[in-house]
């Protein structure tokens, strides 16, 4: 399993790194489009769609993304989209985690499918817009999610159950603990201050997420980072809820050793539009 994970990770890096660093940002957008289309296929399959319709939804979402890339929306329109998508993630995430996995299958399938495809499209648009702002900004957003996840894992392993008696979301993801969540938040804040300091020391050509947030004050940066770190956990838990309601362990087996595309990007889905929104204020 570990060997598979490493090989898959190396292949993904070999594809993603050149795309990220390419002068033409459309290369990165197209690579992300492939992953989003695969995520749409996984989403349809998780919602009991047959193979044909599932492939069709992946192709349809890819076409929508292509049109969005060719017809660049105005910034005022994008800001409105970040507000709507971010607000929906906050409200829907809170509702889903409150009601649990048993309620989701009772939601009409068409509505479920539309919600998932909308979330994937917005995330694709947000990650492409993040790349347009610069590699530094893009990586600062991605690293926030990765640091939150890694620090939460190690803090949970080291301290899980010692400080809090209750698990974070026992009915959805029994392995997650409050200690891990707190460790993730500490990691996010440390990363934010270090990254911002490096921005100033290296005089980066493009501002990172943290530098843009700090332009509204350090307090705003701290609160925004804690909020984004929390939403990364919400994204992870919501996808776990969907898998539990569908009765599957992974969203698919497209990425050997890692599960599916949705398993890798779940925490990014809410964070990307919210990061774009907060950094635009």
C-alpha atoms as a PDB file:
ATOM      1  CA  UNK A   1       0.000   0.000   0.000  1.00  0.00           C
ATOM      2  CA  UNK A   2       2.788   2.447   0.912  1.00  0.00           C
ATOM      3  CA  UNK A   3       4.622   1.663  -2.330  1.00  0.00           C
ATOM      4  CA  UNK A   4       1.439   2.315  -4.308  1.00  0.00           C
ATOM      5  CA  UNK A   5       0.874   5.611  -2.510  1.00  0.00           C
ATOM      6  CA  UNK A   6       4.413   6.773  -3.248  1.00  0.00           C
ATOM      7  CA  UNK A   7       4.271   5.791  -6.932  1.00  0.00           C
ATOM      8  CA  UNK A   8       0.895   7.492  -7.414  1.00  0.00           C
ATOM      9  CA  UNK A   9       2.122  10.619  -5.622  1.00  0.00           C
ATOM     10  CA  UNK A  10       5.230  10.794  -7.816  1.00  0.00           C
ATOM     11  CA  UNK A  11       3.177  10.421 -10.994  1.00  0.00           C
ATOM     12  CA  UNK A  12       0.803  13.171  -9.864  1.00  0.00           C
ATOM     13  CA  UNK A  13       3.727  15.458  -9.054  1.00  0.00           C
ATOM     14  CA  UNK A  14       5.290  14.757 -12.449  1.00  0.00           C
ATOM     15  CA  UNK A  15       2.054  15.937 -14.080  1.00  0.00           C
ATOM     16  CA  UNK A  16       1.090  18.796 -11.772  1.00  0.00           C
ATOM     17  CA  UNK A  17       4.421  20.548 -11.141  1.00  0.00           C
ATOM     18  CA  UNK A  18       5.217  21.302 -14.808  1.00  0.00           C
ATOM     19  CA  UNK A  19       1.608  22.399 -15.322  1.00  0.00           C
ATOM     20  CA  UNK A  20       1.773  24.759 -12.331  1.00  0.00           C
ATOM     21  CA  UNK A  21       5.093  26.253 -13.450  1.00  0.00           C
ATOM     22  CA  UNK A  22       4.133  26.569 -17.120  1.00  0.00           C
ATOM     23  CA  UNK A  23       4.086  30.140 -18.427  1.00  0.00           C
ATOM     24  CA  UNK A  24       0.729  29.521 -20.086  1.00  0.00           C
ATOM     25  CA  UNK A  25      -1.712  29.146 -17.179  1.00  0.00           C
ATOM     26  CA  UNK A  26      -4.151  27.324 -19.439  1.00  0.00           C
ATOM     27  CA  UNK A  27      -1.960  24.220 -19.152  1.00  0.00           C
ATOM     28  CA  UNK A  28      -2.639  24.104 -15.428  1.00  0.00           C
ATOM     29  CA  UNK A  29      -6.330  24.807 -15.987  1.00  0.00           C
ATOM     30  CA  UNK A  30      -6.592  21.895 -18.429  1.00  0.00           C
ATOM     31  CA  UNK A  31      -4.835  19.463 -16.089  1.00  0.00           C
ATOM     32  CA  UNK A  32      -7.172  20.481 -13.259  1.00  0.00           C
ATOM     33  CA  UNK A  33     -10.091  20.091 -15.667  1.00  0.00           C
ATOM     34  CA  UNK A  34      -9.222  16.404 -16.109  1.00  0.00           C
ATOM     35  CA  UNK A  35      -9.262  15.874 -12.344  1.00  0.00           C
ATOM     36  CA  UNK A  36     -12.536  17.760 -11.967  1.00  0.00           C
ATOM     37  CA  UNK A  37     -14.140  15.656 -14.709  1.00  0.00           C
ATOM     38  CA  UNK A  38     -12.957  12.517 -12.900  1.00  0.00           C
ATOM     39  CA  UNK A  39     -14.402  13.899  -9.677  1.00  0.00           C
ATOM     40  CA  UNK A  40     -17.744  14.460 -11.416  1.00  0.00           C
ATOM     41  CA  UNK A  41     -17.724  10.835 -12.586  1.00  0.00           C
ATOM     42  CA  UNK A  42     -17.003   9.680  -9.026  1.00  0.00           C
ATOM     43  CA  UNK A  43     -19.768  11.897  -7.656  1.00  0.00           C
ATOM     44  CA  UNK A  44     -22.321  10.480 -10.078  1.00  0.00           C
ATOM     45  CA  UNK A  45     -21.292   6.911  -9.239  1.00  0.00           C
ATOM     46  CA  UNK A  46     -21.566   7.651  -5.496  1.00  0.00           C
ATOM     47  CA  UNK A  47     -25.125   8.821  -6.152  1.00  0.00           C
ATOM     48  CA  UNK A  48     -26.165   5.543  -7.828  1.00  0.00           C
ATOM     49  CA  UNK A  49     -25.822   6.669 -11.453  1.00  0.00           C
ATOM     50  CA  UNK A  50     -24.942   4.083 -14.101  1.00  0.00           C
ATOM     51  CA  UNK A  51     -21.602   4.137 -15.885  1.00  0.00           C
ATOM     52  CA  UNK A  52     -22.891   5.890 -19.026  1.00  0.00           C
ATOM     53  CA  UNK A  53     -24.605   8.832 -17.299  1.00  0.00           C
ATOM     54  CA  UNK A  54     -21.650   9.143 -14.906  1.00  0.00           C
ATOM     55  CA  UNK A  55     -19.208   9.507 -17.805  1.00  0.00           C
ATOM     56  CA  UNK A  56     -21.611  11.951 -19.429  1.00  0.00           C
ATOM     57  CA  UNK A  57     -21.619  14.144 -16.324  1.00  0.00           C
ATOM     58  CA  UNK A  58     -17.838  14.182 -16.272  1.00  0.00           C
ATOM     59  CA  UNK A  59     -17.742  15.240 -19.927  1.00  0.00           C
ATOM     60  CA  UNK A  60     -20.470  17.848 -19.400  1.00  0.00           C
ATOM     61  CA  UNK A  61     -18.627  19.421 -16.478  1.00  0.00           C
ATOM     62  CA  UNK A  62     -15.411  19.463 -18.506  1.00  0.00           C
ATOM     63  CA  UNK A  63     -17.227  21.343 -21.270  1.00  0.00           C
ATOM     64  CA  UNK A  64     -18.602  23.876 -18.768  1.00  0.00           C
ATOM     65  CA  UNK A  65     -15.078  24.428 -17.450  1.00  0.00           C
ATOM     66  CA  UNK A  66     -13.751  24.920 -20.998  1.00  0.00           C
ATOM     67  CA  UNK A  67     -16.395  27.540 -21.716  1.00  0.00           C
ATOM     68  CA  UNK A  68     -15.561  29.256 -18.417  1.00  0.00           C
ATOM     69  CA  UNK A  69     -11.895  29.326 -19.433  1.00  0.00           C
ATOM     70  CA  UNK A  70     -12.580  30.761 -22.896  1.00  0.00           C
ATOM     71  CA  UNK A  71     -15.089  33.346 -21.663  1.00  0.00           C
ATOM     72  CA  UNK A  72     -13.314  34.831 -18.659  1.00  0.00           C
ATOM     73  CA  UNK A  73     -15.906  36.155 -16.174  1.00  0.00           C
ATOM     74  CA  UNK A  74     -15.442  39.725 -14.845  1.00  0.00           C
ATOM     75  CA  UNK A  75     -13.953  40.059 -11.366  1.00  0.00           C
ATOM     76  CA  UNK A  76     -17.176  41.497  -9.919  1.00  0.00           C
ATOM     77  CA  UNK A  77     -19.029  38.409 -11.149  1.00  0.00           C
ATOM     78  CA  UNK A  78     -16.372  36.132  -9.659  1.00  0.00           C
ATOM     79  CA  UNK A  79     -16.542  37.902  -6.307  1.00  0.00           C
ATOM     80  CA  UNK A  80     -20.287  37.290  -6.236  1.00  0.00           C
ATOM     81  CA  UNK A  81     -19.708  33.637  -7.072  1.00  0.00           C
ATOM     82  CA  UNK A  82     -17.174  33.253  -4.218  1.00  0.00           C
ATOM     83  CA  UNK A  83     -19.702  34.795  -1.821  1.00  0.00           C
ATOM     84  CA  UNK A  84     -22.512  32.481  -2.926  1.00  0.00           C
ATOM     85  CA  UNK A  85     -20.363  29.331  -2.991  1.00  0.00           C
ATOM     86  CA  UNK A  86     -18.647  30.131   0.305  1.00  0.00           C
ATOM     87  CA  UNK A  87     -21.948  30.883   2.004  1.00  0.00           C
ATOM     88  CA  UNK A  88     -23.462  27.657   0.725  1.00  0.00           C
ATOM     89  CA  UNK A  89     -20.495  25.665   1.980  1.00  0.00           C
ATOM     90  CA  UNK A  90     -20.781  27.179   5.462  1.00  0.00           C
ATOM     91  CA  UNK A  91     -24.552  26.673   5.716  1.00  0.00           C
ATOM     92  CA  UNK A  92     -24.743  23.280   3.995  1.00  0.00           C
ATOM     93  CA  UNK A  93     -21.690  21.998   5.838  1.00  0.00           C
ATOM     94  CA  UNK A  94     -23.145  22.960   9.216  1.00  0.00           C
ATOM     95  CA  UNK A  95     -26.496  21.390   8.325  1.00  0.00           C
ATOM     96  CA  UNK A  96     -25.028  18.131   7.035  1.00  0.00           C
ATOM     97  CA  UNK A  97     -22.766  17.654  10.040  1.00  0.00           C
ATOM     98  CA  UNK A  98     -25.715  18.355  12.335  1.00  0.00           C
ATOM     99  CA  UNK A  99     -28.185  15.927  10.729  1.00  0.00           C
ATOM    100  CA  UNK A 100     -25.713  13.134   9.886  1.00  0.00           C
ATOM    101  CA  UNK A 101     -25.322  10.663   7.035  1.00  0.00           C
ATOM    102  CA  UNK A 102     -28.798   9.140   7.261  1.00  0.00           C
ATOM    103  CA  UNK A 103     -30.549  12.264   5.914  1.00  0.00           C
ATOM    104  CA  UNK A 104     -28.485  12.770   2.752  1.00  0.00           C
ATOM    105  CA  UNK A 105     -29.901   9.802   0.758  1.00  0.00           C
ATOM    106  CA  UNK A 106     -33.398  11.229   1.277  1.00  0.00           C
ATOM    107  CA  UNK A 107     -32.452  14.392  -0.607  1.00  0.00           C
ATOM    108  CA  UNK A 108     -33.635  14.135  -4.264  1.00  0.00           C
ATOM    109  CA  UNK A 109     -30.855  12.658  -6.408  1.00  0.00           C
ATOM    110  CA  UNK A 110     -31.043  15.391  -9.048  1.00  0.00           C
ATOM    111  CA  UNK A 111     -30.462  18.021  -6.369  1.00  0.00           C
ATOM    112  CA  UNK A 112     -27.546  16.022  -4.944  1.00  0.00           C
ATOM    113  CA  UNK A 113     -25.948  15.715  -8.369  1.00  0.00           C
ATOM    114  CA  UNK A 114     -26.327  19.422  -9.135  1.00  0.00           C
ATOM    115  CA  UNK A 115     -24.836  20.415  -5.771  1.00  0.00           C
ATOM    116  CA  UNK A 116     -21.771  18.236  -6.301  1.00  0.00           C
ATOM    117  CA  UNK A 117     -21.185  19.397  -9.879  1.00  0.00           C
ATOM    118  CA  UNK A 118     -21.574  23.031  -8.827  1.00  0.00           C
ATOM    119  CA  UNK A 119     -19.028  22.594  -6.013  1.00  0.00           C
ATOM    120  CA  UNK A 120     -16.534  20.987  -8.417  1.00  0.00           C
ATOM    121  CA  UNK A 121     -17.004  23.689 -11.048  1.00  0.00           C
ATOM    122  CA  UNK A 122     -16.536  26.498  -8.521  1.00  0.00           C
ATOM    123  CA  UNK A 123     -13.422  24.797  -7.092  1.00  0.00           C
ATOM    124  CA  UNK A 124     -11.951  24.445 -10.599  1.00  0.00           C
ATOM    125  CA  UNK A 125     -12.660  28.093 -11.368  1.00  0.00           C
ATOM    126  CA  UNK A 126     -11.160  29.155  -8.031  1.00  0.00           C
ATOM    127  CA  UNK A 127      -7.955  27.132  -8.436  1.00  0.00           C
ATOM    128  CA  UNK A 128      -7.439  28.517 -11.944  1.00  0.00           C
ATOM    129  CA  UNK A 129      -8.025  32.080 -10.722  1.00  0.00           C
ATOM    130  CA  UNK A 130      -5.581  31.370  -7.888  1.00  0.00           C
ATOM    131  CA  UNK A 131      -2.951  30.346 -10.457  1.00  0.00           C
ATOM    132  CA  UNK A 132      -3.584  33.553 -12.395  1.00  0.00           C
ATOM    133  CA  UNK A 133      -2.642  35.470  -9.246  1.00  0.00           C
ATOM    134  CA  UNK A 134       0.709  33.704  -9.188  1.00  0.00           C
ATOM    135  CA  UNK A 135       2.396  30.476  -8.168  1.00  0.00           C
ATOM    136  CA  UNK A 136       3.123  31.878  -4.709  1.00  0.00           C
ATOM    137  CA  UNK A 137      -0.553  32.568  -4.053  1.00  0.00           C
ATOM    138  CA  UNK A 138      -1.670  29.192  -5.408  1.00  0.00           C
ATOM    139  CA  UNK A 139       0.791  27.204  -3.306  1.00  0.00           C
ATOM    140  CA  UNK A 140       0.016  29.216  -0.169  1.00  0.00           C
ATOM    141  CA  UNK A 141      -3.642  28.159  -0.451  1.00  0.00           C
ATOM    142  CA  UNK A 142      -2.823  24.522  -1.174  1.00  0.00           C
ATOM    143  CA  UNK A 143      -0.249  24.326   1.614  1.00  0.00           C
ATOM    144  CA  UNK A 144      -2.754  25.689   4.130  1.00  0.00           C
ATOM    145  CA  UNK A 145      -4.952  22.647   3.498  1.00  0.00           C
ATOM    146  CA  UNK A 146      -2.031  20.220   3.467  1.00  0.00           C
ATOM    147  CA  UNK A 147      -0.562  21.618   6.706  1.00  0.00           C
ATOM    148  CA  UNK A 148      -3.959  21.467   8.420  1.00  0.00           C
ATOM    149  CA  UNK A 149      -4.325  17.822   7.397  1.00  0.00           C
ATOM    150  CA  UNK A 150      -0.778  16.737   8.294  1.00  0.00           C
ATOM    151  CA  UNK A 151      -0.677  18.541  11.640  1.00  0.00           C
ATOM    152  CA  UNK A 152      -4.138  17.236  12.520  1.00  0.00           C
ATOM    153  CA  UNK A 153      -2.982  13.675  11.786  1.00  0.00           C
ATOM    154  CA  UNK A 154       0.127  13.837  13.972  1.00  0.00           C
ATOM    155  CA  UNK A 155      -1.560  15.789  16.773  1.00  0.00           C
ATOM    156  CA  UNK A 156      -4.405  13.288  16.752  1.00  0.00           C
ATOM    157  CA  UNK A 157      -1.982  10.365  16.897  1.00  0.00           C
ATOM    158  CA  UNK A 158       0.001  11.910  19.750  1.00  0.00           C
ATOM    159  CA  UNK A 159      -2.758  13.485  21.838  1.00  0.00           C
ATOM    160  CA  UNK A 160      -6.047  11.950  20.665  1.00  0.00           C
ATOM    161  CA  UNK A 161      -8.377  11.327  23.612  1.00  0.00           C
ATOM    162  CA  UNK A 162      -6.115  12.899  26.228  1.00  0.00           C
ATOM    163  CA  UNK A 163      -7.590  16.391  26.317  1.00  0.00           C
ATOM    164  CA  UNK A 164     -11.142  15.891  25.057  1.00  0.00           C
ATOM    165  CA  UNK A 165     -13.334  12.922  25.914  1.00  0.00           C
ATOM    166  CA  UNK A 166     -15.582  13.289  22.862  1.00  0.00           C
ATOM    167  CA  UNK A 167     -14.426  12.635  19.301  1.00  0.00           C
ATOM    168  CA  UNK A 168     -14.814  15.353  16.667  1.00  0.00           C
ATOM    169  CA  UNK A 169     -17.520  13.617  14.614  1.00  0.00           C
ATOM    170  CA  UNK A 170     -17.835  10.021  15.850  1.00  0.00           C
ATOM    171  CA  UNK A 171     -20.811   9.080  13.670  1.00  0.00           C
ATOM    172  CA  UNK A 172     -19.144  10.339  10.480  1.00  0.00           C
ATOM    173  CA  UNK A 173     -15.403   9.857  10.915  1.00  0.00           C
ATOM    174  CA  UNK A 174     -14.591   8.015  14.169  1.00  0.00           C
ATOM    175  CA  UNK A 175     -10.841   8.519  13.813  1.00  0.00           C
ATOM    176  CA  UNK A 176     -10.907  12.310  13.925  1.00  0.00           C
ATOM    177  CA  UNK A 177     -10.348  13.998  17.286  1.00  0.00           C
ATOM    178  CA  UNK A 178     -10.604  17.503  18.709  1.00  0.00           C
ATOM    179  CA  UNK A 179      -6.911  17.296  19.582  1.00  0.00           C
ATOM    180  CA  UNK A 180      -6.139  16.682  15.924  1.00  0.00           C
ATOM    181  CA  UNK A 181      -8.319  19.603  14.838  1.00  0.00           C
ATOM    182  CA  UNK A 182      -6.579  21.923  17.294  1.00  0.00           C
ATOM    183  CA  UNK A 183      -3.188  20.705  16.118  1.00  0.00           C
ATOM    184  CA  UNK A 184      -4.209  21.454  12.558  1.00  0.00           C
ATOM    185  CA  UNK A 185      -5.165  25.020  13.499  1.00  0.00           C
ATOM    186  CA  UNK A 186      -1.829  25.581  15.246  1.00  0.00           C
ATOM    187  CA  UNK A 187      -0.012  24.318  12.164  1.00  0.00           C
ATOM    188  CA  UNK A 188      -2.014  26.631   9.897  1.00  0.00           C
ATOM    189  CA  UNK A 189      -1.204  29.685  12.012  1.00  0.00           C
ATOM    190  CA  UNK A 190       2.487  28.856  12.233  1.00  0.00           C
ATOM    191  CA  UNK A 191       2.604  28.310   8.485  1.00  0.00           C
ATOM    192  CA  UNK A 192       0.848  31.622   7.863  1.00  0.00           C
ATOM    193  CA  UNK A 193       3.338  33.651   9.910  1.00  0.00           C
ATOM    194  CA  UNK A 194       6.362  31.867   8.434  1.00  0.00           C
ATOM    195  CA  UNK A 195       5.082  32.246   4.853  1.00  0.00           C
ATOM    196  CA  UNK A 196       4.300  35.933   5.351  1.00  0.00           C
ATOM    197  CA  UNK A 197       7.784  36.517   6.767  1.00  0.00           C
ATOM    198  CA  UNK A 198       9.343  34.753   3.773  1.00  0.00           C
ATOM    199  CA  UNK A 199       7.255  36.896   1.414  1.00  0.00           C
ATOM    200  CA  UNK A 200       8.807  40.010   2.921  1.00  0.00           C
ATOM    201  CA  UNK A 201      12.327  38.580   3.188  1.00  0.00           C
ATOM    202  CA  UNK A 202      12.411  37.271  -0.386  1.00  0.00           C
ATOM    203  CA  UNK A 203      10.365  40.156  -1.830  1.00  0.00           C
ATOM    204  CA  UNK A 204       8.121  37.764  -3.733  1.00  0.00           C
ATOM    205  CA  UNK A 205       6.825  38.997  -7.071  1.00  0.00           C
ATOM    206  CA  UNK A 206       3.318  37.721  -6.307  1.00  0.00           C
ATOM    207  CA  UNK A 207       1.709  38.027  -2.894  1.00  0.00           C
ATOM    208  CA  UNK A 208       0.728  34.914  -0.986  1.00  0.00           C
ATOM    209  CA  UNK A 209      -2.669  34.356   0.574  1.00  0.00           C
ATOM    210  CA  UNK A 210      -1.238  35.299   3.970  1.00  0.00           C
ATOM    211  CA  UNK A 211       0.275  38.588   2.817  1.00  0.00           C
ATOM    212  CA  UNK A 212      -3.020  39.602   1.229  1.00  0.00           C
ATOM    213  CA  UNK A 213      -4.959  38.665   4.353  1.00  0.00           C
ATOM    214  CA  UNK A 214      -2.482  40.534   6.563  1.00  0.00           C
ATOM    215  CA  UNK A 215      -3.014  43.689   4.497  1.00  0.00           C
ATOM    216  CA  UNK A 216      -6.272  43.982   6.469  1.00  0.00           C
ATOM    217  CA  UNK A 217      -4.421  43.511   9.770  1.00  0.00           C
ATOM    218  CA  UNK A 218      -2.806  40.614  11.618  1.00  0.00           C
ATOM    219  CA  UNK A 219      -6.002  39.880  13.532  1.00  0.00           C
ATOM    220  CA  UNK A 220      -7.878  39.494  10.253  1.00  0.00           C
ATOM    221  CA  UNK A 221      -5.187  37.128   8.953  1.00  0.00           C
ATOM    222  CA  UNK A 222      -5.363  34.977  12.087  1.00  0.00           C
ATOM    223  CA  UNK A 223      -9.164  34.782  12.078  1.00  0.00           C
ATOM    224  CA  UNK A 224      -9.284  34.109   8.321  1.00  0.00           C
ATOM    225  CA  UNK A 225      -6.666  31.338   8.562  1.00  0.00           C
ATOM    226  CA  UNK A 226      -8.495  29.676  11.451  1.00  0.00           C
ATOM    227  CA  UNK A 227     -11.735  29.895   9.466  1.00  0.00           C
ATOM    228  CA  UNK A 228     -10.134  28.390   6.345  1.00  0.00           C
ATOM    229  CA  UNK A 229      -8.510  25.656   8.420  1.00  0.00           C
ATOM    230  CA  UNK A 230     -11.885  24.860   9.963  1.00  0.00           C
ATOM    231  CA  UNK A 231     -13.538  24.728   6.543  1.00  0.00           C
ATOM    232  CA  UNK A 232     -10.868  22.296   5.327  1.00  0.00           C
ATOM    233  CA  UNK A 233     -11.963  19.971   8.132  1.00  0.00           C
ATOM    234  CA  UNK A 234     -15.609  20.532   7.180  1.00  0.00           C
ATOM    235  CA  UNK A 235     -14.848  19.565   3.571  1.00  0.00           C
ATOM    236  CA  UNK A 236     -13.131  16.393   4.736  1.00  0.00           C
ATOM    237  CA  UNK A 237     -15.989  15.466   7.072  1.00  0.00           C
ATOM    238  CA  UNK A 238     -18.693  16.217   4.511  1.00  0.00           C
ATOM    239  CA  UNK A 239     -17.057  13.910   1.969  1.00  0.00           C
ATOM    240  CA  UNK A 240     -16.773  11.220   4.644  1.00  0.00           C
ATOM    241  CA  UNK A 241     -20.489  11.694   5.291  1.00  0.00           C
ATOM    242  CA  UNK A 242     -21.254  11.236   1.583  1.00  0.00           C
ATOM    243  CA  UNK A 243     -19.170   8.063   1.416  1.00  0.00           C
ATOM    244  CA  UNK A 244     -20.794   6.695   4.546  1.00  0.00           C
ATOM    245  CA  UNK A 245     -24.271   7.341   3.129  1.00  0.00           C
ATOM    246  CA  UNK A 246     -23.219   5.667  -0.146  1.00  0.00           C
ATOM    247  CA  UNK A 247     -21.697   2.706   1.705  1.00  0.00           C
ATOM    248  CA  UNK A 248     -18.228   3.056   0.146  1.00  0.00           C
ATOM    249  CA  UNK A 249     -14.758   3.411   1.655  1.00  0.00           C
ATOM    250  CA  UNK A 250     -13.271   5.519  -1.145  1.00  0.00           C
ATOM    251  CA  UNK A 251     -14.825   7.706  -3.820  1.00  0.00           C
ATOM    252  CA  UNK A 252     -13.165   5.426  -6.419  1.00  0.00           C
ATOM    253  CA  UNK A 253      -9.938   3.561  -7.117  1.00  0.00           C
ATOM    254  CA  UNK A 254      -8.611   5.985  -9.734  1.00  0.00           C
ATOM    255  CA  UNK A 255      -5.564   6.871  -7.623  1.00  0.00           C
ATOM    256  CA  UNK A 256      -4.012   3.602  -6.368  1.00  0.00           C
ATOM    257  CA  UNK A 257      -3.145   3.850  -2.699  1.00  0.00           C
ATOM    258  CA  UNK A 258      -5.020   7.142  -2.345  1.00  0.00           C
ATOM    259  CA  UNK A 259      -8.593   6.223  -3.274  1.00  0.00           C
ATOM    260  CA  UNK A 260     -10.281   8.615  -5.660  1.00  0.00           C
ATOM    261  CA  UNK A 261      -9.969  12.207  -6.786  1.00  0.00           C
ATOM    262  CA  UNK A 262     -12.632  13.388  -4.333  1.00  0.00           C
ATOM    263  CA  UNK A 263     -10.700  11.741  -1.515  1.00  0.00           C
ATOM    264  CA  UNK A 264      -7.728  13.971  -2.369  1.00  0.00           C
ATOM    265  CA  UNK A 265      -9.520  17.267  -2.982  1.00  0.00           C
ATOM    266  CA  UNK A 266     -12.368  17.125  -0.443  1.00  0.00           C
ATOM    267  CA  UNK A 267     -10.790  19.683   1.892  1.00  0.00           C
ATOM    268  CA  UNK A 268      -9.944  21.990  -1.015  1.00  0.00           C
ATOM    269  CA  UNK A 269     -13.510  22.247  -2.318  1.00  0.00           C
ATOM    270  CA  UNK A 270     -14.712  24.745   0.326  1.00  0.00           C
ATOM    271  CA  UNK A 271     -11.324  26.364   0.965  1.00  0.00           C
ATOM    272  CA  UNK A 272     -10.582  27.465  -2.619  1.00  0.00           C
ATOM    273  CA  UNK A 273     -13.595  29.771  -3.154  1.00  0.00           C
ATOM    274  CA  UNK A 274     -13.414  31.050   0.430  1.00  0.00           C
ATOM    275  CA  UNK A 275      -9.690  31.823   0.081  1.00  0.00           C
ATOM    276  CA  UNK A 276     -10.418  33.738  -3.119  1.00  0.00           C
ATOM    277  CA  UNK A 277     -13.174  35.656  -1.340  1.00  0.00           C
ATOM    278  CA  UNK A 278     -11.218  36.550   1.795  1.00  0.00           C
ATOM    279  CA  UNK A 279      -8.111  37.571  -0.156  1.00  0.00           C
ATOM    280  CA  UNK A 280     -10.244  39.893  -2.295  1.00  0.00           C
ATOM    281  CA  UNK A 281     -11.538  41.926   0.653  1.00  0.00           C
END
